[in-house]
């Protein structure tokens, strides 16, 4: 099964995007993981290595899709 990882930091833009993404992705085709970088700072380095530059963002089968613009990854590091 393919993997989808949704990265966010808990801001209103991120939470809204999370709900939209979770409703839209076909769970028969994708295993979905939601990573809240604001709560799990240990995942920031992994997100950066994957190519995440801002949140909310979706890593879908290895490709990165930045959704709207909530905060830069540097702001999340805070």
PDB file of N, CA and C in Angstrom:
ATOM      1  N   UNK A   1       0.839  -1.171   0.000  1.00  0.00           N
ATOM      2  CA  UNK A   1       0.000   0.000   0.000  1.00  0.00           C
ATOM      3  C   UNK A   1       0.890   1.243   0.000  1.00  0.00           C
ATOM      4  N   UNK A   2       0.486   2.252  -0.743  1.00  0.00           N
ATOM      5  CA  UNK A   2       1.217   3.510  -0.792  1.00  0.00           C
ATOM      6  C   UNK A   2       0.998   4.275   0.501  1.00  0.00           C
ATOM      7  N   UNK A   3       1.904   5.216   0.780  1.00  0.00           N
ATOM      8  CA  UNK A   3       1.847   5.965   2.030  1.00  0.00           C
ATOM      9  C   UNK A   3       1.629   7.447   1.766  1.00  0.00           C
ATOM     10  N   UNK A   4       0.784   8.057   2.586  1.00  0.00           N
ATOM     11  CA  UNK A   4       0.548   9.494   2.573  1.00  0.00           C
ATOM     12  C   UNK A   4       0.846  10.012   3.971  1.00  0.00           C
ATOM     13  N   UNK A   5       1.689  11.045   4.054  1.00  0.00           N
ATOM     14  CA  UNK A   5       1.997  11.656   5.341  1.00  0.00           C
ATOM     15  C   UNK A   5       1.598  13.124   5.265  1.00  0.00           C
ATOM     16  N   UNK A   6       0.728  13.525   6.175  1.00  0.00           N
ATOM     17  CA  UNK A   6       0.286  14.905   6.239  1.00  0.00           C
ATOM     18  C   UNK A   6       0.998  15.567   7.408  1.00  0.00           C
ATOM     19  N   UNK A   7       1.792  16.605   7.107  1.00  0.00           N
ATOM     20  CA  UNK A   7       2.539  17.339   8.123  1.00  0.00           C
ATOM     21  C   UNK A   7       1.829  18.658   8.414  1.00  0.00           C
ATOM     22  N   UNK A   8       1.706  18.982   9.704  1.00  0.00           N
ATOM     23  CA  UNK A   8       1.138  20.277  10.067  1.00  0.00           C
ATOM     24  C   UNK A   8       1.648  20.703  11.432  1.00  0.00           C
ATOM     25  N   UNK A   9       1.254  21.925  11.831  1.00  0.00           N
ATOM     26  CA  UNK A   9       1.733  22.468  13.104  1.00  0.00           C
ATOM     27  C   UNK A   9       0.596  22.885  14.027  1.00  0.00           C
ATOM     28  N   UNK A  10      -0.627  22.561  13.663  1.00  0.00           N
ATOM     29  CA  UNK A  10      -1.755  22.832  14.542  1.00  0.00           C
ATOM     30  C   UNK A  10      -2.460  24.156  14.338  1.00  0.00           C
ATOM     31  N   UNK A  11      -1.975  24.981  13.414  1.00  0.00           N
ATOM     32  CA  UNK A  11      -2.625  26.272  13.171  1.00  0.00           C
ATOM     33  C   UNK A  11      -3.987  26.042  12.494  1.00  0.00           C
ATOM     34  N   UNK A  12      -4.873  27.037  12.495  1.00  0.00           N
ATOM     35  CA  UNK A  12      -6.188  26.860  11.869  1.00  0.00           C
ATOM     36  C   UNK A  12      -6.120  26.454  10.394  1.00  0.00           C
ATOM     37  N   UNK A  13      -5.172  27.021   9.646  1.00  0.00           N
ATOM     38  CA  UNK A  13      -5.012  26.646   8.236  1.00  0.00           C
ATOM     39  C   UNK A  13      -4.668  25.162   8.138  1.00  0.00           C
ATOM     40  N   UNK A  14      -3.764  24.714   9.011  1.00  0.00           N
ATOM     41  CA  UNK A  14      -3.326  23.317   9.006  1.00  0.00           C
ATOM     42  C   UNK A  14      -4.457  22.351   9.370  1.00  0.00           C
ATOM     43  N   UNK A  15      -5.205  22.702  10.401  1.00  0.00           N
ATOM     44  CA  UNK A  15      -6.286  21.836  10.862  1.00  0.00           C
ATOM     45  C   UNK A  15      -7.361  21.706   9.782  1.00  0.00           C
ATOM     46  N   UNK A  16      -7.696  22.815   9.124  1.00  0.00           N
ATOM     47  CA  UNK A  16      -8.665  22.774   8.041  1.00  0.00           C
ATOM     48  C   UNK A  16      -8.150  21.919   6.890  1.00  0.00           C
ATOM     49  N   UNK A  17      -6.894  22.104   6.515  1.00  0.00           N
ATOM     50  CA  UNK A  17      -6.309  21.307   5.428  1.00  0.00           C
ATOM     51  C   UNK A  17      -6.277  19.833   5.802  1.00  0.00           C
ATOM     52  N   UNK A  18      -5.965  19.529   7.066  1.00  0.00           N
ATOM     53  CA  UNK A  18      -5.942  18.133   7.512  1.00  0.00           C
ATOM     54  C   UNK A  18      -7.298  17.474   7.292  1.00  0.00           C
ATOM     55  N   UNK A  19      -8.362  18.147   7.692  1.00  0.00           N
ATOM     56  CA  UNK A  19      -9.699  17.578   7.521  1.00  0.00           C
ATOM     57  C   UNK A  19     -10.025  17.348   6.045  1.00  0.00           C
ATOM     58  N   UNK A  20      -9.674  18.300   5.207  1.00  0.00           N
ATOM     59  CA  UNK A  20      -9.932  18.174   3.772  1.00  0.00           C
ATOM     60  C   UNK A  20      -9.152  17.012   3.166  1.00  0.00           C
ATOM     61  N   UNK A  21      -7.881  16.901   3.536  1.00  0.00           N
ATOM     62  CA  UNK A  21      -7.033  15.834   3.005  1.00  0.00           C
ATOM     63  C   UNK A  21      -7.527  14.469   3.472  1.00  0.00           C
ATOM     64  N   UNK A  22      -7.851  14.354   4.758  1.00  0.00           N
ATOM     65  CA  UNK A  22      -8.306  13.064   5.283  1.00  0.00           C
ATOM     66  C   UNK A  22      -9.609  12.608   4.630  1.00  0.00           C
ATOM     67  N   UNK A  23     -10.466  13.562   4.294  1.00  0.00           N
ATOM     68  CA  UNK A  23     -11.714  13.223   3.607  1.00  0.00           C
ATOM     69  C   UNK A  23     -11.481  12.842   2.145  1.00  0.00           C
ATOM     70  N   UNK A  24     -10.454  13.410   1.525  1.00  0.00           N
ATOM     71  CA  UNK A  24     -10.244  13.238   0.090  1.00  0.00           C
ATOM     72  C   UNK A  24      -9.411  12.011  -0.289  1.00  0.00           C
ATOM     73  N   UNK A  25      -8.510  11.589   0.574  1.00  0.00           N
ATOM     74  CA  UNK A  25      -7.600  10.497   0.207  1.00  0.00           C
ATOM     75  C   UNK A  25      -8.293   9.145   0.322  1.00  0.00           C
ATOM     76  N   UNK A  26      -8.105   8.348  -0.693  1.00  0.00           N
ATOM     77  CA  UNK A  26      -8.673   7.001  -0.748  1.00  0.00           C
ATOM     78  C   UNK A  26      -7.877   6.073   0.168  1.00  0.00           C
ATOM     79  N   UNK A  27      -8.482   5.704   1.287  1.00  0.00           N
ATOM     80  CA  UNK A  27      -7.790   4.858   2.267  1.00  0.00           C
ATOM     81  C   UNK A  27      -7.646   3.410   1.792  1.00  0.00           C
ATOM     82  N   UNK A  28      -8.266   3.081   0.689  1.00  0.00           N
ATOM     83  CA  UNK A  28      -8.064   1.761   0.090  1.00  0.00           C
ATOM     84  C   UNK A  28      -6.737   1.713  -0.669  1.00  0.00           C
ATOM     85  N   UNK A  29      -6.238   2.891  -1.061  1.00  0.00           N
ATOM     86  CA  UNK A  29      -4.989   2.971  -1.823  1.00  0.00           C
ATOM     87  C   UNK A  29      -3.817   3.491  -1.007  1.00  0.00           C
ATOM     88  N   UNK A  30      -4.105   4.293   0.033  1.00  0.00           N
ATOM     89  CA  UNK A  30      -3.051   4.947   0.797  1.00  0.00           C
ATOM     90  C   UNK A  30      -3.198   4.714   2.293  1.00  0.00           C
ATOM     91  N   UNK A  31      -2.089   4.393   2.926  1.00  0.00           N
ATOM     92  CA  UNK A  31      -2.008   4.398   4.384  1.00  0.00           C
ATOM     93  C   UNK A  31      -1.700   5.846   4.759  1.00  0.00           C
ATOM     94  N   UNK A  32      -2.493   6.440   5.654  1.00  0.00           N
ATOM     95  CA  UNK A  32      -2.344   7.849   5.992  1.00  0.00           C
ATOM     96  C   UNK A  32      -1.769   8.004   7.394  1.00  0.00           C
ATOM     97  N   UNK A  33      -0.746   8.864   7.498  1.00  0.00           N
ATOM     98  CA  UNK A  33      -0.179   9.230   8.785  1.00  0.00           C
ATOM     99  C   UNK A  33      -0.258  10.740   8.914  1.00  0.00           C
ATOM    100  N   UNK A  34      -0.697  11.218  10.062  1.00  0.00           N
ATOM    101  CA  UNK A  34      -0.736  12.656  10.338  1.00  0.00           C
ATOM    102  C   UNK A  34       0.354  12.957  11.355  1.00  0.00           C
ATOM    103  N   UNK A  35       1.216  13.916  11.017  1.00  0.00           N
ATOM    104  CA  UNK A  35       2.317  14.295  11.891  1.00  0.00           C
ATOM    105  C   UNK A  35       2.141  15.758  12.298  1.00  0.00           C
ATOM    106  N   UNK A  36       1.924  15.981  13.576  1.00  0.00           N
ATOM    107  CA  UNK A  36       1.771  17.328  14.137  1.00  0.00           C
ATOM    108  C   UNK A  36       3.157  17.773  14.612  1.00  0.00           C
ATOM    109  N   UNK A  37       3.846  18.551  13.789  1.00  0.00           N
ATOM    110  CA  UNK A  37       5.220  18.955  14.091  1.00  0.00           C
ATOM    111  C   UNK A  37       5.303  19.880  15.300  1.00  0.00           C
ATOM    112  N   UNK A  38       4.213  20.537  15.628  1.00  0.00           N
ATOM    113  CA  UNK A  38       4.204  21.379  16.809  1.00  0.00           C
ATOM    114  C   UNK A  38       4.280  20.562  18.091  1.00  0.00           C
ATOM    115  N   UNK A  39       3.733  19.359  18.053  1.00  0.00           N
ATOM    116  CA  UNK A  39       3.742  18.471  19.219  1.00  0.00           C
ATOM    117  C   UNK A  39       4.876  17.458  19.177  1.00  0.00           C
ATOM    118  N   UNK A  40       5.322  17.119  17.980  1.00  0.00           N
ATOM    119  CA  UNK A  40       6.368  16.103  17.827  1.00  0.00           C
ATOM    120  C   UNK A  40       7.558  16.716  17.091  1.00  0.00           C
ATOM    121  N   UNK A  41       8.310  17.548  17.809  1.00  0.00           N
ATOM    122  CA  UNK A  41       9.453  18.265  17.211  1.00  0.00           C
ATOM    123  C   UNK A  41      10.529  17.308  16.700  1.00  0.00           C
ATOM    124  N   UNK A  42      10.558  16.083  17.210  1.00  0.00           N
ATOM    125  CA  UNK A  42      11.569  15.120  16.758  1.00  0.00           C
ATOM    126  C   UNK A  42      11.381  14.743  15.291  1.00  0.00           C
ATOM    127  N   UNK A  43      10.213  14.996  14.745  1.00  0.00           N
ATOM    128  CA  UNK A  43       9.950  14.651  13.343  1.00  0.00           C
ATOM    129  C   UNK A  43      10.311  15.770  12.368  1.00  0.00           C
ATOM    130  N   UNK A  44      10.703  16.933  12.880  1.00  0.00           N
ATOM    131  CA  UNK A  44      11.026  18.066  12.002  1.00  0.00           C
ATOM    132  C   UNK A  44      12.189  17.730  11.078  1.00  0.00           C
ATOM    133  N   UNK A  45      13.237  17.114  11.594  1.00  0.00           N
ATOM    134  CA  UNK A  45      14.401  16.771  10.761  1.00  0.00           C
ATOM    135  C   UNK A  45      13.998  15.804   9.650  1.00  0.00           C
ATOM    136  N   UNK A  46      13.154  14.851   9.949  1.00  0.00           N
ATOM    137  CA  UNK A  46      12.681  13.886   8.940  1.00  0.00           C
ATOM    138  C   UNK A  46      11.871  14.620   7.874  1.00  0.00           C
ATOM    139  N   UNK A  47      11.026  15.541   8.315  1.00  0.00           N
ATOM    140  CA  UNK A  47      10.211  16.314   7.373  1.00  0.00           C
ATOM    141  C   UNK A  47      11.106  17.146   6.451  1.00  0.00           C
ATOM    142  N   UNK A  48      12.116  17.783   7.023  1.00  0.00           N
ATOM    143  CA  UNK A  48      13.043  18.581   6.206  1.00  0.00           C
ATOM    144  C   UNK A  48      13.776  17.715   5.191  1.00  0.00           C
ATOM    145  N   UNK A  49      14.223  16.550   5.609  1.00  0.00           N
ATOM    146  CA  UNK A  49      14.927  15.640   4.695  1.00  0.00           C
ATOM    147  C   UNK A  49      14.020  15.194   3.552  1.00  0.00           C
ATOM    148  N   UNK A  50      12.728  15.096   3.824  1.00  0.00           N
ATOM    149  CA  UNK A  50      11.773  14.701   2.792  1.00  0.00           C
ATOM    150  C   UNK A  50      11.500  15.837   1.806  1.00  0.00           C
ATOM    151  N   UNK A  51      11.835  17.086   2.214  1.00  0.00           N
ATOM    152  CA  UNK A  51      11.604  18.227   1.330  1.00  0.00           C
ATOM    153  C   UNK A  51      10.518  19.170   1.800  1.00  0.00           C
ATOM    154  N   UNK A  52      10.031  18.985   3.026  1.00  0.00           N
ATOM    155  CA  UNK A  52       9.001  19.870   3.557  1.00  0.00           C
ATOM    156  C   UNK A  52       9.626  21.226   3.861  1.00  0.00           C
ATOM    157  N   UNK A  53       9.050  22.282   3.290  1.00  0.00           N
ATOM    158  CA  UNK A  53       9.557  23.641   3.484  1.00  0.00           C
ATOM    159  C   UNK A  53       8.582  24.490   4.290  1.00  0.00           C
ATOM    160  N   UNK A  54       7.302  24.104   4.284  1.00  0.00           N
ATOM    161  CA  UNK A  54       6.272  24.804   5.038  1.00  0.00           C
ATOM    162  C   UNK A  54       5.143  23.819   5.328  1.00  0.00           C
ATOM    163  N   UNK A  55       4.330  24.203   6.281  1.00  0.00           N
ATOM    164  CA  UNK A  55       3.162  23.381   6.620  1.00  0.00           C
ATOM    165  C   UNK A  55       1.910  24.226   6.449  1.00  0.00           C
ATOM    166  N   UNK A  56       0.807  23.616   6.103  1.00  0.00           N
ATOM    167  CA  UNK A  56       0.592  22.192   5.912  1.00  0.00           C
ATOM    168  C   UNK A  56       1.205  21.691   4.610  1.00  0.00           C
ATOM    169  N   UNK A  57       1.586  20.421   4.643  1.00  0.00           N
ATOM    170  CA  UNK A  57       2.169  19.785   3.463  1.00  0.00           C
ATOM    171  C   UNK A  57       1.794  18.311   3.463  1.00  0.00           C
ATOM    172  N   UNK A  58       1.741  17.752   2.273  1.00  0.00           N
ATOM    173  CA  UNK A  58       1.397  16.350   2.102  1.00  0.00           C
ATOM    174  C   UNK A  58       2.513  15.657   1.344  1.00  0.00           C
ATOM    175  N   UNK A  59       3.016  14.578   1.921  1.00  0.00           N
ATOM    176  CA  UNK A  59       3.971  13.722   1.220  1.00  0.00           C
ATOM    177  C   UNK A  59       3.168  12.530   0.732  1.00  0.00           C
ATOM    178  N   UNK A  60       3.021  12.438  -0.566  1.00  0.00           N
ATOM    179  CA  UNK A  60       2.162  11.421  -1.173  1.00  0.00           C
ATOM    180  C   UNK A  60       3.008  10.538  -2.074  1.00  0.00           C
ATOM    181  N   UNK A  61       3.239   9.335  -1.601  1.00  0.00           N
ATOM    182  CA  UNK A  61       4.036   8.370  -2.346  1.00  0.00           C
ATOM    183  C   UNK A  61       5.400   8.962  -2.736  1.00  0.00           C
ATOM    184  N   UNK A  62       6.005   9.697  -1.774  1.00  0.00           N
ATOM    185  CA  UNK A  62       7.332  10.254  -1.989  1.00  0.00           C
ATOM    186  C   UNK A  62       7.364  11.658  -2.559  1.00  0.00           C
ATOM    187  N   UNK A  63       6.277  12.140  -3.126  1.00  0.00           N
ATOM    188  CA  UNK A  63       6.211  13.495  -3.683  1.00  0.00           C
ATOM    189  C   UNK A  63       5.691  14.452  -2.620  1.00  0.00           C
ATOM    190  N   UNK A  64       6.195  15.687  -2.619  1.00  0.00           N
ATOM    191  CA  UNK A  64       5.787  16.685  -1.642  1.00  0.00           C
ATOM    192  C   UNK A  64       4.842  17.697  -2.282  1.00  0.00           C
ATOM    193  N   UNK A  65       3.741  17.969  -1.585  1.00  0.00           N
ATOM    194  CA  UNK A  65       2.765  18.957  -2.024  1.00  0.00           C
ATOM    195  C   UNK A  65       2.544  19.932  -0.870  1.00  0.00           C
ATOM    196  N   UNK A  66       2.954  21.184  -1.073  1.00  0.00           N
ATOM    197  CA  UNK A  66       2.735  22.212  -0.059  1.00  0.00           C
ATOM    198  C   UNK A  66       1.335  22.779  -0.275  1.00  0.00           C
ATOM    199  N   UNK A  67       0.564  22.810   0.794  1.00  0.00           N
ATOM    200  CA  UNK A  67      -0.840  23.215   0.727  1.00  0.00           C
ATOM    201  C   UNK A  67      -0.983  24.571   1.404  1.00  0.00           C
ATOM    202  N   UNK A  68      -1.452  25.564   0.652  1.00  0.00           N
ATOM    203  CA  UNK A  68      -1.622  26.897   1.215  1.00  0.00           C
ATOM    204  C   UNK A  68      -0.311  27.317   1.856  1.00  0.00           C
ATOM    205  N   UNK A  69      -0.358  28.090   2.911  1.00  0.00           N
ATOM    206  CA  UNK A  69       0.864  28.446   3.626  1.00  0.00           C
ATOM    207  C   UNK A  69       0.474  28.814   5.048  1.00  0.00           C
ATOM    208  N   UNK A  70       0.798  27.922   5.961  1.00  0.00           N
ATOM    209  CA  UNK A  70       0.508  28.172   7.368  1.00  0.00           C
ATOM    210  C   UNK A  70       1.724  28.730   8.068  1.00  0.00           C
ATOM    211  N   UNK A  71       2.861  28.032   7.945  1.00  0.00           N
ATOM    212  CA  UNK A  71       4.105  28.451   8.581  1.00  0.00           C
ATOM    213  C   UNK A  71       5.273  27.772   7.898  1.00  0.00           C
ATOM    214  N   UNK A  72       6.414  28.461   7.881  1.00  0.00           N
ATOM    215  CA  UNK A  72       7.619  27.843   7.336  1.00  0.00           C
ATOM    216  C   UNK A  72       8.126  26.811   8.329  1.00  0.00           C
ATOM    217  N   UNK A  73       8.943  25.898   7.853  1.00  0.00           N
ATOM    218  CA  UNK A  73       9.510  24.875   8.741  1.00  0.00           C
ATOM    219  C   UNK A  73      10.393  25.535   9.803  1.00  0.00           C
ATOM    220  N   UNK A  74      11.030  26.656   9.468  1.00  0.00           N
ATOM    221  CA  UNK A  74      11.838  27.381  10.453  1.00  0.00           C
ATOM    222  C   UNK A  74      10.973  27.959  11.577  1.00  0.00           C
ATOM    223  N   UNK A  75       9.779  28.420  11.232  1.00  0.00           N
ATOM    224  CA  UNK A  75       8.851  28.922  12.254  1.00  0.00           C
ATOM    225  C   UNK A  75       8.385  27.803  13.171  1.00  0.00           C
ATOM    226  N   UNK A  76       8.200  26.622  12.617  1.00  0.00           N
ATOM    227  CA  UNK A  76       7.768  25.470  13.411  1.00  0.00           C
ATOM    228  C   UNK A  76       8.863  25.060  14.393  1.00  0.00           C
ATOM    229  N   UNK A  77      10.121  25.187  13.945  1.00  0.00           N
ATOM    230  CA  UNK A  77      11.241  24.857  14.829  1.00  0.00           C
ATOM    231  C   UNK A  77      11.235  25.755  16.057  1.00  0.00           C
ATOM    232  N   UNK A  78      10.833  27.032  15.831  1.00  0.00           N
ATOM    233  CA  UNK A  78      10.700  28.050  16.842  1.00  0.00           C
ATOM    234  C   UNK A  78      11.591  27.991  17.954  1.00  0.00           C
TER     235      UNK A  78
END
